[in-house]
Structures are given as C-alpha cells and as structure tokens.
Amino acid sequence: CMECGCPDVFECKLRKYATTHEVQPEKLAGEHITKFEDANEYYVRNLDKCILCSKCVRACDEIAGFHAIDFAKRGFESILTPHFYNDMEHSDCTFCGLCTQVCPVGALMEKRAERWPHLEEPEIVKTTCQLCSVGCELDLNLDRKRSRIVRVTTDLDNPEGPTFGSCCVKGRYSFRDVACSGNFDPAVDGNSVSMDEAVASLDTLASRPGAAFILGGPVTLQEGQAVRDYAALRTPEAVISAAEGAEFLPFIAEGKKHKETKRASYALFNESDAFLLLGTNTDEDQPVLTSWLRRSMRHRKAGIVYVGSTPGLMEKGTSVVLTPEKGTEQKSLSALTAAVRTLCEKKEADFSALAEGTGMCPAKLETAARILAAAKHPVTLMSPNMPAAESFEAAGVLSGGRYLLLFREAGTSSTLSLFPGLKSVEAVKKGLADGSIPSAVFVGTTPEEAGFTSEDLNGAEYAVLAPDPSPLSEKASVLLPLLPWTEKEGTVVDLEGRELYVRRGPLGKKTGGNICAVLARAALPHGGKIAFNPVAR
C-alpha cells in the first residue's frame, strides 16, 4: 500500500494488516466524507487518514494527563478535535508528541527532517535529554548514514526508562534547532585560527591565578570532572561558578540537617495523594512533571497545593493556589507549616491569624492545610524561589517527608556534587568588576545564557566554549566551538539522583568537539591526563 503517500511506511498498522490479510480496497469503495487537514508548528493532523482508534485520546489522557482531544460528532462524520473545535494551539495540548507517536496510521505526523527518503528505515540511538533536569530517555531516529536526526521518539515499553517513556515538546522537537550547532571556526580576538592556536590561547587565559570558570546547564558529569581536573592542574585558586547551582547550596545544607526528610523518586508521582509545590514553574522548567502532576490530579484525585506566583497549568481543577505578597514568603511558609502541624495534632488552628500579613486567603490556607495534613504519601517539590529553611520545615511536617529539589538544568546535580564550594554568578561579576578575578572561561554556555551583560564584561578578558556563537561570544578573547547535546557522550544525574547515559547521535563532521577533548589538549603540554573522549556504555 503506497496510495496515501505518507511517510509512515514502517509504522502504519493499517498498511501492515491490509497486506497481511490481502485486503481488496475496491470491495469497500463508496462515498467518502472529506475531512480537514491542518498543521501546527510541530505536526500535521490529516483526519482523512484517521481510523478513529482513540489511541491518541488515551495517550493524551492516560499518559500525558491532559485530555486535550476527544471524539466529536457521530457515525461517519466522527472526528477527533480539541474542545469547542479549537486549534491545537488554543487547547490544553502541550505538544509533547505522544499522540503522533502512538498513531497507528498517518493521521498524526510530526514534522520530520526535510528530504528524508520515503523508504529509509531509521537507526535508533538511545540518549538522555539535556534540556532540563528530569532526564527523559529519547530515541534518536537517524538516517542511514547517521549524519542527522530525522525524528525523536520514546520507548513506552521500557520498564527501566527513567521517565517511563514520557518527554516534552523540547525533547521531541528541539533537535532541529541544534542540527547546525558546533560547526564554526575557532577564533582568537575575533580572527579565525586553528584549533591548536585557540586551545593554546585558552590555556594562557584560563591559567591566570584566580581565573573563573562558569559552567553551563547541559554539562555532563565527565565534563565537570574535566573542568575540575584542569583547574586543579593549571590554577588551583580558580573560582568555579555555574549558570545554575549556587542558589541551591542552602537547600542542600538544610537537607542534611533535616533527618526526617528524604529525597523522593519519580515512582511516587504514580502513588502520592498530595503534592506541595513551593515556588516552582514546572510548565517552563520541567514540563514532564506538569504532565505527571496533572495526571495524578485528574485520575487519582491527588491534592495539589501551590505556593508562589507561577502556578501555570497547576491552577486548574481542585488545586489550591496560595499567593503570598512579595517579601512575605518566609512568613507564609511558616504559617502553612504551623497550620498543618496543628491539624496533625488533632487541634484547631486560627487560620485568620496565621494568614495575617501574608496576603493569603484564610479559607484557602485552611483548605491547603487540611489536604496536606490528611495526605498519607505527600511529596514536596522545592525551588530556589522560596526560602530553604522554611521549605524543609514544610516538607518535614508532612507524612514521610519526601521532597525533590527542582533544578532547571541537566548538569546542576552533578556540578553541585563536584563543586560543593560553588560560587554564584553575582560573585563572579563582582570579582570581574573589582579586578580580583583576572579572566573568565564560559564552559558549555554563552555569557548571555549565564546571565552576563556587556556591562558585566566591559574590559574583561574571557573565553567562551559553546555550541553556538552569540553577540558577547564573538567579542571574547577566545571562542571555541562545542558539539550540541545531541552529539555528546557521558552521563548526567537526574532529579532523583539516578545517573543516566548520554550517547552521541549524528556522526557528521563538525569543527566542534567536546569539553573533555578541549581541556585534555590544553592540559597535555603541562603533564595533565584528562580523559579525551568519555564514552557512554
């Protein structure tokens, strides 16, 4: 069957069954009701090919947790559509792509790489997404030459998958954004040079006493170790910072004090009966967690209590949103903790008195406290937007004391384990301004991504190792290309502390390399032995 002309040749179940059972289409010929086809940024919906199997409806409802689509009309006119026949962009759809993956025909097709041969079966390489801290396992579908990614899928049948086959719009579709990354010439003072010249200039700049290293978000454990070993070899007085990390140091310290609290696992998202979210923004930072929370709320009636100002999709259904006035976060968390503790002791709390001066509604505070006090398996999700001590007090008063620190970046957990004395970005800015830090090296990030402006770097000498150039990168003393996250190898640590493998997908020739290789070349003339190419198993 090649009549419909769609590229779903290797996955179309209708084609498979029609071929197996020698179906004769002319026996089923008749009047055809033409249905519509529309496209969005990520995939195409051709309802003329839809067989009404409802797999996309079930995937969206039972796995993604949103139920953004369902059946409408009846009989031969039945179609699948968002509520009120809206466009997908104006529905609850988060474009996680699960519906396109489970569709057995060509009715839902993600926009794959252009000019991918129609009959070319892809090669699959499993890797870990590095676009957030959750650590979703992705199946990179490569062309026959393994020169590029043509699509990204997930393995819903893998019992050992860290996120059970879930992923978000970033993991499934952003491979197109980095297809050309890591392929520009090294530069010194704005002039193109060879890689050896650029590495030598990098070593000169990075070896100054007191130089600062600013690590990016998607840095693997092995790349962090390479930075640590190189800094110890060339400048033991180096200041180590990261785009994200220092703001979590108070939380790590508090976690060691509170023995009644324990780190939660992803499995608890399928078991917990209540969740306390403290200043989180999972819609933007960890979209898969939003999916799991919504599924728990809709299917298991789990209670959701959100404290902060960015609830996003959590502000739906029976969730309780507490919005403290700015500057009262500490008092607000203490009030919630006191209310829960009082209810756990079978006493009555004065919710009006507790809410006074916080901006929180006493009735909502009471509802939230009763949900949390009654929960048998609650989990607290923490962000640096709330005070550390009060966050752990709130988690500790709940049954079991389970919590997760929600890092935004994939490499934050390993960076914090390697550099317990991590300095903040603000400390580096101050050091560059007063001259105590003579130079800076941005590793795996651009200055803009790390939060630096042209004023912060005015008059400073700095080097940038990044997959893509930026305006400030092009003004750097040294600029070196790095391979993007889809072409790296090593391991990362997810939110539950599990070490996950990162494997290289495309093998195309590019000018960029990995951080370990660059620092190994820089350390070699000085007797340093840094692993050149850490390979994931």
Protein backbone atom coordinates (compact mmCIF):
# COMPACT_ATOMS: atom_id res chain seq x y z
CA CYS A 1 0.00 0.00 0.00
CA MET A 2 1.66 3.20 -1.20
CA GLU A 3 -1.50 5.01 -2.24
CA CYS A 4 -1.84 7.56 0.54
CA GLY A 5 1.67 8.95 0.04
CA CYS A 6 2.54 9.49 3.70
CA PRO A 7 6.00 8.74 5.13
CA ASP A 8 4.63 6.45 7.85
CA VAL A 9 5.61 3.34 5.89
CA PHE A 10 7.37 1.45 8.68
CA GLU A 11 4.80 2.21 11.41
CA CYS A 12 1.45 2.19 9.61
CA LYS A 13 -0.55 -0.66 11.16
CA LEU A 14 -3.31 -0.27 8.56
CA ARG A 15 -0.81 -0.96 5.77
CA LYS A 16 0.61 -3.93 7.70
CA TYR A 17 -2.77 -5.57 8.35
CA ALA A 18 -4.07 -4.80 4.86
CA THR A 19 -1.03 -6.51 3.35
CA THR A 20 -1.16 -9.48 5.74
CA HIS A 21 -4.85 -10.16 5.15
CA GLU A 22 -4.75 -9.33 1.41
CA VAL A 23 -7.43 -6.68 1.70
CA GLN A 24 -9.10 -5.59 -1.54
CA PRO A 25 -9.98 -1.87 -1.17
CA GLU A 26 -12.40 -1.93 -4.11
CA LYS A 27 -14.79 -4.12 -2.10
CA LEU A 28 -15.13 -1.31 0.43
CA ALA A 29 -15.49 1.52 -2.06
CA GLY A 30 -18.23 4.08 -1.55
CA GLU A 31 -19.00 7.68 -0.80
CA HIS A 32 -16.23 9.41 1.10
CA ILE A 33 -16.76 12.29 3.52
CA THR A 34 -13.75 14.56 3.11
CA LYS A 35 -12.30 15.72 6.42
CA PHE A 36 -9.91 18.51 7.11
CA GLU A 37 -6.15 18.66 7.38
CA ASP A 38 -4.32 21.27 9.42
CA ALA A 39 -0.78 21.82 10.58
CA ASN A 40 0.88 23.49 13.51
CA GLU A 41 4.50 24.20 14.30
CA TYR A 42 5.25 20.61 15.30
CA TYR A 43 2.99 18.15 13.50
CA VAL A 44 0.31 17.68 10.83
CA ARG A 45 -3.23 16.41 11.50
CA ASN A 46 -4.81 14.74 8.48
CA LEU A 47 -8.18 13.48 9.68
CA ASP A 48 -8.85 11.95 6.26
CA LYS A 49 -6.48 9.17 7.35
CA CYS A 50 -7.85 8.83 10.88
CA ILE A 51 -9.33 5.38 11.67
CA LEU A 52 -10.89 6.52 14.99
CA CYS A 53 -8.87 4.03 17.05
CA SER A 54 -8.72 6.51 20.00
CA LYS A 55 -5.07 5.74 20.77
CA CYS A 56 -4.20 9.44 20.67
CA VAL A 57 -7.08 10.23 23.04
CA ARG A 58 -5.95 7.59 25.52
CA ALA A 59 -2.29 8.61 25.30
CA CYS A 60 -3.15 12.25 25.97
CA ASP A 61 -5.48 11.31 28.82
CA GLU A 62 -3.77 8.34 30.48
CA ILE A 63 -0.09 9.09 29.86
CA ALA A 64 0.24 12.84 29.31
CA GLY A 65 -2.58 13.63 31.73
CA PHE A 66 -4.19 16.49 29.79
CA HIS A 67 -7.09 15.05 27.72
CA ALA A 68 -6.64 17.83 25.17
CA ILE A 69 -8.51 15.92 22.42
CA ASP A 70 -11.58 13.70 22.20
CA PHE A 71 -14.28 12.50 19.81
CA ALA A 72 -16.84 14.87 18.33
CA LYS A 73 -19.87 14.25 16.08
CA ARG A 74 -21.15 10.74 15.36
CA GLY A 75 -21.04 7.96 12.79
CA PHE A 76 -19.15 8.55 9.57
CA GLU A 77 -18.74 12.22 10.48
CA SER A 78 -16.84 11.46 13.71
CA ILE A 79 -13.59 13.35 14.17
CA LEU A 80 -11.00 13.93 16.87
CA THR A 81 -10.69 17.53 17.98
CA PRO A 82 -9.80 19.78 20.92
CA HIS A 83 -12.67 21.22 22.94
CA PHE A 84 -15.03 23.53 21.04
CA TYR A 85 -13.22 22.64 17.77
CA ASN A 86 -10.36 24.97 18.69
CA ASP A 87 -6.96 24.87 17.03
CA MET A 88 -4.37 22.78 18.88
CA GLU A 89 -2.52 25.97 19.82
CA HIS A 90 -5.60 27.16 21.75
CA SER A 91 -6.22 23.89 23.59
CA ASP A 92 -4.64 22.19 26.60
CA CYS A 93 -2.15 20.48 24.27
CA THR A 94 1.48 20.89 25.35
CA PHE A 95 2.84 19.34 22.12
CA CYS A 96 4.58 16.51 23.96
CA GLY A 97 4.17 14.44 20.78
CA LEU A 98 2.80 11.26 22.38
CA CYS A 99 -0.25 11.30 20.11
CA THR A 100 1.89 11.40 16.97
CA GLN A 101 3.99 8.52 18.27
CA VAL A 102 1.11 6.16 19.09
CA CYS A 103 -0.97 6.95 15.98
CA PRO A 104 -1.02 3.65 14.02
CA VAL A 105 -1.58 5.38 10.67
CA GLY A 106 -0.51 8.65 9.07
CA ALA A 107 -3.25 10.81 10.58
CA LEU A 108 -0.86 12.44 13.04
CA MET A 109 2.64 13.01 11.69
CA GLU A 110 5.36 15.06 13.32
CA LYS A 111 7.32 17.34 11.05
CA ARG A 112 10.45 15.33 10.39
CA ALA A 113 13.69 16.32 8.72
CA GLU A 114 13.22 17.59 5.19
CA ARG A 115 14.08 15.35 2.26
CA TRP A 116 14.23 12.21 4.41
CA PRO A 117 13.99 9.27 1.96
CA HIS A 118 10.48 7.80 1.96
CA LEU A 119 11.59 4.18 2.35
CA GLU A 120 14.58 4.62 4.66
CA GLU A 121 14.21 2.84 7.98
CA PRO A 122 15.89 4.89 10.75
CA GLU A 123 18.70 3.79 13.04
CA ILE A 124 17.83 4.22 16.74
CA VAL A 125 20.27 5.62 19.32
CA LYS A 126 19.10 5.94 22.92
CA THR A 127 20.26 9.01 24.81
CA THR A 128 19.21 11.28 27.67
CA CYS A 129 17.67 14.68 27.03
CA GLN A 130 19.78 17.52 28.43
CA LEU A 131 17.29 20.35 28.03
CA CYS A 132 16.07 20.15 31.63
CA SER A 133 16.85 18.28 34.83
CA VAL A 134 14.24 15.50 34.55
CA GLY A 135 16.39 13.27 32.31
CA CYS A 136 13.93 11.78 29.80
CA GLU A 137 15.24 8.90 27.70
CA LEU A 138 14.97 9.72 24.00
CA ASP A 139 15.26 7.51 20.93
CA LEU A 140 17.13 9.50 18.29
CA ASN A 141 15.99 8.31 14.86
CA LEU A 142 18.96 8.75 12.50
CA ASP A 143 19.20 8.47 8.75
CA ARG A 144 21.07 5.57 7.17
CA LYS A 145 24.37 7.46 7.06
CA ARG A 146 23.88 8.53 10.68
CA SER A 147 24.54 12.09 9.61
CA ARG A 148 21.45 13.71 11.10
CA ILE A 149 18.39 13.20 13.29
CA VAL A 150 15.16 12.81 11.34
CA ARG A 151 12.79 12.49 14.32
CA VAL A 152 12.75 11.76 18.06
CA THR A 153 10.60 9.11 19.74
CA THR A 154 10.45 7.48 23.18
CA ASP A 155 10.21 3.88 24.34
CA LEU A 156 6.88 3.48 26.13
CA ASP A 157 7.55 -0.24 26.71
CA ASN A 158 10.88 0.12 28.53
CA PRO A 159 10.30 -0.73 32.23
CA GLU A 160 13.70 0.74 33.12
CA GLY A 161 13.10 4.07 31.39
CA PRO A 162 13.69 6.87 33.91
CA THR A 163 10.52 8.73 32.89
CA PHE A 164 8.50 5.74 31.64
CA GLY A 165 8.53 6.95 28.03
CA SER A 166 7.41 10.50 28.73
CA CYS A 167 9.06 13.56 27.23
CA CYS A 168 8.07 17.13 26.41
CA VAL A 169 8.00 19.43 23.42
CA LYS A 170 11.63 20.45 23.97
CA GLY A 171 13.00 16.93 23.92
CA ARG A 172 10.90 15.75 20.99
CA TYR A 173 11.24 18.68 18.60
CA SER A 174 14.25 20.83 19.51
CA PHE A 175 16.73 18.58 17.65
CA ARG A 176 16.11 20.77 14.61
CA ASP A 177 17.39 23.82 16.49
CA VAL A 178 20.84 22.27 17.05
CA ALA A 179 21.32 20.50 13.72
CA CYS A 180 23.94 23.04 12.62
CA SER A 181 25.35 23.84 16.07
CA GLY A 182 29.04 23.33 16.85
CA ASN A 183 30.22 23.98 13.32
CA PHE A 184 32.02 27.33 13.25
CA ASP A 185 35.70 28.28 13.23
CA PRO A 186 37.65 28.79 16.47
CA ALA A 187 38.61 32.42 16.95
CA VAL A 188 41.11 34.48 18.94
CA ASP A 189 40.37 38.20 19.28
CA GLY A 190 37.74 37.86 16.57
CA ASN A 191 40.05 36.26 13.99
CA SER A 192 39.66 32.68 12.76
CA VAL A 193 42.53 30.44 13.86
CA SER A 194 43.33 26.74 14.02
CA MET A 195 42.07 24.63 16.90
CA ASP A 196 45.61 24.28 18.31
CA GLU A 197 46.09 28.06 18.39
CA ALA A 198 42.71 28.57 20.05
CA VAL A 199 43.42 25.91 22.69
CA ALA A 200 46.82 27.46 23.46
CA SER A 201 45.22 30.89 23.88
CA LEU A 202 42.54 29.36 26.09
CA ASP A 203 45.20 27.78 28.30
CA THR A 204 47.02 31.10 28.68
CA LEU A 205 43.84 32.89 29.70
CA ALA A 206 42.49 30.12 31.96
CA SER A 207 45.76 29.56 33.84
CA ARG A 208 45.84 33.00 35.40
CA PRO A 209 45.67 32.80 39.21
CA GLY A 210 42.11 33.31 40.37
CA ALA A 211 40.51 32.82 36.94
CA ALA A 212 36.81 31.98 36.97
CA PHE A 213 35.14 29.02 35.25
CA ILE A 214 31.40 29.42 34.63
CA LEU A 215 29.75 26.09 33.76
CA GLY A 216 26.64 25.86 31.59
CA GLY A 217 23.49 23.88 32.26
CA PRO A 218 23.88 20.84 29.97
CA VAL A 219 27.35 19.87 31.26
CA THR A 220 27.82 16.14 31.77
CA LEU A 221 29.42 14.60 34.84
CA GLN A 222 32.58 13.79 32.87
CA GLU A 223 32.83 17.34 31.52
CA GLY A 224 32.52 18.69 35.05
CA GLN A 225 35.29 16.35 36.17
CA ALA A 226 37.47 17.59 33.29
CA VAL A 227 36.96 21.20 34.40
CA ARG A 228 37.80 20.25 37.99
CA ASP A 229 40.98 18.40 36.99
CA TYR A 230 42.10 21.11 34.58
CA ALA A 231 41.55 23.87 37.14
CA ALA A 232 43.45 21.89 39.79
CA LEU A 233 46.35 21.46 37.35
CA ARG A 234 46.60 24.97 35.93
CA THR A 235 45.07 27.33 38.51
CA PRO A 236 44.27 25.82 41.91
CA GLU A 237 42.95 29.22 43.05
CA ALA A 238 40.25 29.14 40.37
CA VAL A 239 36.76 30.37 41.13
CA ILE A 240 34.16 27.83 39.99
CA SER A 241 30.67 29.04 39.21
CA ALA A 242 27.70 27.86 37.16
CA ALA A 243 24.71 29.33 35.40
CA GLU A 244 22.63 27.47 37.98
CA GLY A 245 23.71 25.86 41.23
CA ALA A 246 24.79 28.29 43.94
CA GLU A 247 21.18 29.15 44.78
CA PHE A 248 20.63 25.51 45.79
CA LEU A 249 23.51 25.31 48.27
CA PRO A 250 21.31 26.47 51.21
CA PHE A 251 18.81 23.75 50.31
CA ILE A 252 21.49 21.05 50.31
CA ALA A 253 22.71 22.27 53.70
CA GLU A 254 19.16 22.26 55.10
CA GLY A 255 18.54 18.79 53.71
CA LYS A 256 21.46 17.45 55.74
CA LYS A 257 20.02 19.00 58.91
CA HIS A 258 16.51 17.63 58.49
CA LYS A 259 16.91 13.90 59.00
CA GLU A 260 13.14 13.44 58.84
CA THR A 261 13.15 14.31 55.13
CA LYS A 262 14.16 12.05 52.24
CA ARG A 263 14.61 12.53 48.51
CA ALA A 264 11.59 11.30 46.56
CA SER A 265 11.62 9.17 43.42
CA TYR A 266 9.74 9.55 40.16
CA ALA A 267 7.67 6.48 41.03
CA LEU A 268 5.95 8.48 43.77
CA PHE A 269 4.22 10.60 41.13
CA ASN A 270 2.10 7.49 40.50
CA GLU A 271 1.49 6.84 44.21
CA SER A 272 1.31 10.13 46.10
CA ASP A 273 -2.04 11.52 47.21
CA ALA A 274 -0.88 15.13 47.63
CA PHE A 275 1.81 17.44 46.27
CA LEU A 276 3.14 20.65 47.79
CA LEU A 277 4.76 22.90 45.18
CA LEU A 278 6.93 25.71 46.53
CA GLY A 279 7.61 28.48 44.01
CA THR A 280 8.03 26.05 41.13
CA ASN A 281 7.41 26.75 37.44
CA THR A 282 7.19 23.25 36.03
CA ASP A 283 5.36 24.38 32.87
CA GLU A 284 8.55 26.09 31.69
CA ASP A 285 11.33 24.33 33.60
CA GLN A 286 10.18 20.68 33.88
CA PRO A 287 7.16 20.16 31.57
CA VAL A 288 7.08 16.39 32.14
CA LEU A 289 6.47 16.98 35.85
CA THR A 290 3.46 19.15 34.97
CA SER A 291 2.16 16.21 32.94
CA TRP A 292 2.60 13.78 35.83
CA LEU A 293 1.02 16.16 38.33
CA ARG A 294 -1.99 16.78 36.11
CA ARG A 295 -2.42 13.05 35.59
CA SER A 296 -2.29 12.41 39.35
CA MET A 297 -4.80 15.17 39.97
CA ARG A 298 -7.23 14.01 37.28
CA HIS A 299 -7.02 10.23 37.63
CA ARG A 300 -6.23 9.66 41.31
CA LYS A 301 -7.73 12.86 42.73
CA ALA A 302 -4.38 13.82 44.26
CA GLY A 303 -4.39 17.14 46.07
CA ILE A 304 -2.25 19.96 44.69
CA VAL A 305 -1.17 22.85 46.90
CA TYR A 306 0.87 25.53 45.15
CA VAL A 307 2.65 28.35 46.99
CA GLY A 308 4.05 31.06 44.72
CA SER A 309 3.23 33.22 41.73
CA THR A 310 3.70 30.95 38.67
CA PRO A 311 1.24 28.04 39.00
CA GLY A 312 0.61 27.78 35.25
CA LEU A 313 -1.38 24.65 34.39
CA MET A 314 -1.49 23.74 38.09
CA GLU A 315 -4.13 26.43 38.58
CA LYS A 316 -6.90 24.12 37.37
CA GLY A 317 -9.39 21.71 38.86
CA THR A 318 -9.31 21.27 42.62
CA SER A 319 -5.79 22.60 43.16
CA VAL A 320 -5.27 25.23 45.86
CA VAL A 321 -3.05 28.19 44.94
CA LEU A 322 -1.63 30.35 47.74
CA THR A 323 -0.07 33.58 46.50
CA PRO A 324 1.90 35.36 49.25
CA GLU A 325 2.60 39.06 49.00
CA LYS A 326 6.12 39.85 47.84
CA GLY A 327 8.54 39.70 50.75
CA THR A 328 6.29 37.50 52.91
CA GLU A 329 7.35 34.11 51.54
CA GLN A 330 9.13 33.13 54.76
CA LYS A 331 6.16 34.08 56.94
CA SER A 332 3.70 32.41 54.55
CA LEU A 333 5.52 29.07 54.58
CA SER A 334 5.81 29.21 58.36
CA ALA A 335 2.06 29.85 58.56
CA LEU A 336 1.28 26.87 56.32
CA THR A 337 3.66 24.65 58.32
CA ALA A 338 2.08 25.73 61.61
CA ALA A 339 -1.41 25.09 60.25
CA VAL A 340 -0.53 21.58 59.05
CA ARG A 341 1.24 20.74 62.30
CA THR A 342 -1.75 21.88 64.35
CA LEU A 343 -4.16 19.77 62.30
CA CYS A 344 -1.86 16.73 62.51
CA GLU A 345 -2.01 17.10 66.30
CA LYS A 346 -5.83 16.97 66.07
CA LYS A 347 -6.17 20.59 67.17
CA GLU A 348 -7.94 23.52 65.57
CA ALA A 349 -5.88 26.36 64.09
CA ASP A 350 -6.71 30.05 63.85
CA PHE A 351 -6.29 30.39 60.09
CA SER A 352 -7.16 34.09 60.03
CA ALA A 353 -4.38 34.86 62.50
CA LEU A 354 -1.91 32.67 60.62
CA ALA A 355 -2.72 34.30 57.27
CA GLU A 356 -2.49 37.83 58.63
CA GLY A 357 0.21 39.91 56.95
CA THR A 358 0.90 37.32 54.23
CA GLY A 359 -1.67 38.24 51.60
CA MET A 360 -3.02 34.67 51.63
CA CYS A 361 -6.74 33.93 51.87
CA PRO A 362 -7.51 32.27 55.26
CA ALA A 363 -10.08 29.96 53.65
CA LYS A 364 -7.57 28.78 51.04
CA LEU A 365 -4.93 28.36 53.75
CA GLU A 366 -7.32 26.14 55.69
CA THR A 367 -8.17 24.06 52.62
CA ALA A 368 -4.48 23.62 51.77
CA ALA A 369 -3.56 22.68 55.33
CA ARG A 370 -6.34 20.07 55.54
CA ILE A 371 -5.30 18.50 52.23
CA LEU A 372 -1.67 18.19 53.35
CA ALA A 373 -2.45 17.05 56.89
CA ALA A 374 -4.72 14.27 55.62
CA ALA A 375 -2.26 13.04 52.98
CA LYS A 376 -0.57 9.70 53.63
CA HIS A 377 2.05 9.88 50.87
CA PRO A 378 2.71 13.56 50.10
CA VAL A 379 5.67 14.90 48.11
CA THR A 380 7.13 18.41 48.30
CA LEU A 381 8.66 19.99 45.19
CA MET A 382 11.09 22.80 46.04
CA SER A 383 12.56 25.65 44.02
CA PRO A 384 15.06 28.38 44.98
CA ASN A 385 12.23 30.93 44.76
CA MET A 386 11.30 30.06 48.34
CA PRO A 387 13.47 30.22 51.50
CA ALA A 388 15.37 26.99 52.13
CA ALA A 389 14.85 26.60 55.89
CA GLU A 390 11.09 27.15 55.74
CA SER A 391 10.79 24.87 52.69
CA PHE A 392 12.32 21.97 54.59
CA GLU A 393 10.24 22.75 57.67
CA ALA A 394 7.14 22.47 55.49
CA ALA A 395 8.34 19.19 53.95
CA GLY A 396 9.36 17.78 57.32
CA VAL A 397 5.94 18.26 58.89
CA LEU A 398 4.28 16.15 56.17
CA SER A 399 3.96 12.39 56.40
CA GLY A 400 7.14 10.71 55.13
CA GLY A 401 8.96 13.99 54.47
CA ARG A 402 9.57 13.19 50.78
CA TYR A 403 10.89 16.02 48.61
CA LEU A 404 12.57 16.85 45.31
CA LEU A 405 14.81 19.81 44.57
CA LEU A 406 13.76 21.04 41.14
CA PHE A 407 16.91 22.07 39.30
CA ARG A 408 16.28 23.66 35.92
CA GLU A 409 19.41 22.41 34.16
CA ALA A 410 20.52 18.87 33.35
CA GLY A 411 24.04 19.31 34.74
CA THR A 412 23.21 21.08 38.01
CA SER A 413 23.09 17.96 40.18
CA SER A 414 26.49 16.68 39.05
CA THR A 415 28.01 20.19 39.20
CA LEU A 416 26.94 20.58 42.83
CA SER A 417 28.39 17.16 43.70
CA LEU A 418 31.74 18.03 42.08
CA PHE A 419 31.98 21.60 43.40
CA PRO A 420 30.49 21.92 46.90
CA GLY A 421 32.05 25.39 47.17
CA LEU A 422 30.37 26.66 44.02
CA LYS A 423 30.26 30.45 43.76
CA SER A 424 27.32 32.45 42.47
CA VAL A 425 27.29 34.26 39.14
CA GLU A 426 26.91 37.53 41.05
CA ALA A 427 30.17 36.82 42.90
CA VAL A 428 31.96 36.36 39.57
CA LYS A 429 30.51 39.60 38.22
CA LYS A 430 31.71 41.42 41.32
CA GLY A 431 35.18 39.85 41.02
CA LEU A 432 35.50 40.89 37.39
CA ALA A 433 34.45 44.42 38.29
CA ASP A 434 36.91 44.87 41.18
CA GLY A 435 39.78 43.03 39.46
CA SER A 436 40.05 40.13 41.91
CA ILE A 437 39.12 37.78 39.05
CA PRO A 438 41.53 38.40 36.14
CA SER A 439 39.71 36.37 33.48
CA ALA A 440 36.69 34.17 32.94
CA VAL A 441 36.01 30.99 30.96
CA PHE A 442 32.43 30.16 29.98
CA VAL A 443 32.22 26.38 29.61
CA GLY A 444 29.24 24.97 27.73
CA THR A 445 27.35 28.25 27.83
CA THR A 446 27.40 31.72 26.34
CA PRO A 447 27.72 34.80 28.58
CA GLU A 448 24.10 35.70 27.82
CA GLU A 449 22.85 32.26 28.90
CA ALA A 450 24.82 32.58 32.14
CA GLY A 451 23.20 35.95 32.89
CA PHE A 452 26.05 38.28 31.90
CA THR A 453 25.64 41.57 30.04
CA SER A 454 28.11 43.68 28.08
CA GLU A 455 28.46 45.94 31.15
CA ASP A 456 29.44 42.95 33.31
CA LEU A 457 32.22 42.02 30.85
CA ASN A 458 33.36 45.53 30.00
CA GLY A 459 37.17 45.49 29.92
CA ALA A 460 37.36 41.82 31.00
CA GLU A 461 39.22 39.07 29.17
CA TYR A 462 37.13 35.97 28.74
CA ALA A 463 36.87 32.79 26.71
CA VAL A 464 33.74 31.03 25.52
CA LEU A 465 33.29 27.32 24.79
CA ALA A 466 29.78 26.88 23.38
CA PRO A 467 27.84 25.12 20.59
CA ASP A 468 26.51 28.39 19.18
CA PRO A 469 28.07 31.85 18.98
CA SER A 470 26.33 34.90 20.43
CA PRO A 471 26.99 38.67 20.32
CA LEU A 472 29.06 38.58 23.52
CA SER A 473 30.78 35.33 22.48
CA GLU A 474 32.02 36.95 19.29
CA LYS A 475 33.67 39.67 21.39
CA ALA A 476 35.52 37.10 23.52
CA SER A 477 39.30 36.82 23.58
CA VAL A 478 38.92 33.12 22.70
CA LEU A 479 35.92 31.39 21.11
CA LEU A 480 35.82 27.60 20.71
CA PRO A 481 33.01 25.52 19.14
CA LEU A 482 31.46 22.64 21.10
CA LEU A 483 29.19 19.87 19.86
CA PRO A 484 25.49 20.22 20.79
CA TRP A 485 23.76 17.99 23.34
CA THR A 486 22.59 15.54 20.67
CA GLU A 487 26.22 14.75 19.78
CA LYS A 488 27.74 14.41 23.25
CA GLU A 489 28.66 11.37 25.33
CA GLY A 490 28.90 10.83 29.06
CA THR A 491 26.43 10.74 31.94
CA VAL A 492 24.10 13.13 33.73
CA VAL A 493 22.31 12.88 37.09
CA ASP A 494 18.55 13.41 37.21
CA LEU A 495 16.36 14.85 39.98
CA GLU A 496 16.05 11.54 41.83
CA GLY A 497 19.84 11.03 41.81
CA ARG A 498 19.99 8.43 39.06
CA GLU A 499 22.99 8.50 36.71
CA LEU A 500 21.86 8.32 33.09
CA TYR A 501 23.80 7.76 29.89
CA VAL A 502 24.19 10.35 27.16
CA ARG A 503 25.04 8.84 23.78
CA ARG A 504 26.08 10.53 20.57
CA GLY A 505 23.53 10.56 17.78
CA PRO A 506 24.72 12.09 14.49
CA LEU A 507 28.32 11.39 13.48
CA GLY A 508 28.65 14.22 10.98
CA LYS A 509 31.94 16.09 10.66
CA LYS A 510 31.97 19.39 12.52
CA THR A 511 34.66 21.76 13.73
CA GLY A 512 33.44 21.50 17.33
CA GLY A 513 34.47 18.97 19.95
CA ASN A 514 33.52 18.09 23.49
CA ILE A 515 34.69 19.90 26.62
CA CYS A 516 36.81 16.94 27.73
CA ALA A 517 38.71 16.89 24.44
CA VAL A 518 39.41 20.63 24.51
CA LEU A 519 40.66 20.62 28.11
CA ALA A 520 42.67 17.43 27.53
CA ARG A 521 44.54 19.16 24.68
CA ALA A 522 45.12 22.21 26.86
CA ALA A 523 46.43 20.13 29.78
CA LEU A 524 48.64 17.76 27.79
CA PRO A 525 51.70 20.09 27.42
CA HIS A 526 51.69 20.56 31.21
CA GLY A 527 51.62 16.87 32.11
CA GLY A 528 47.88 16.71 32.69
CA LYS A 529 45.99 13.50 31.99
CA ILE A 530 42.34 14.22 31.28
CA ALA A 531 40.12 11.67 29.53
CA PHE A 532 39.87 12.80 25.92
CA ASN A 533 36.63 11.07 24.99
CA PRO A 534 34.38 9.71 27.76
CA VAL A 535 32.21 7.07 26.10
CA ALA A 536 28.80 6.13 27.47
CA ARG A 537 28.03 2.43 27.58
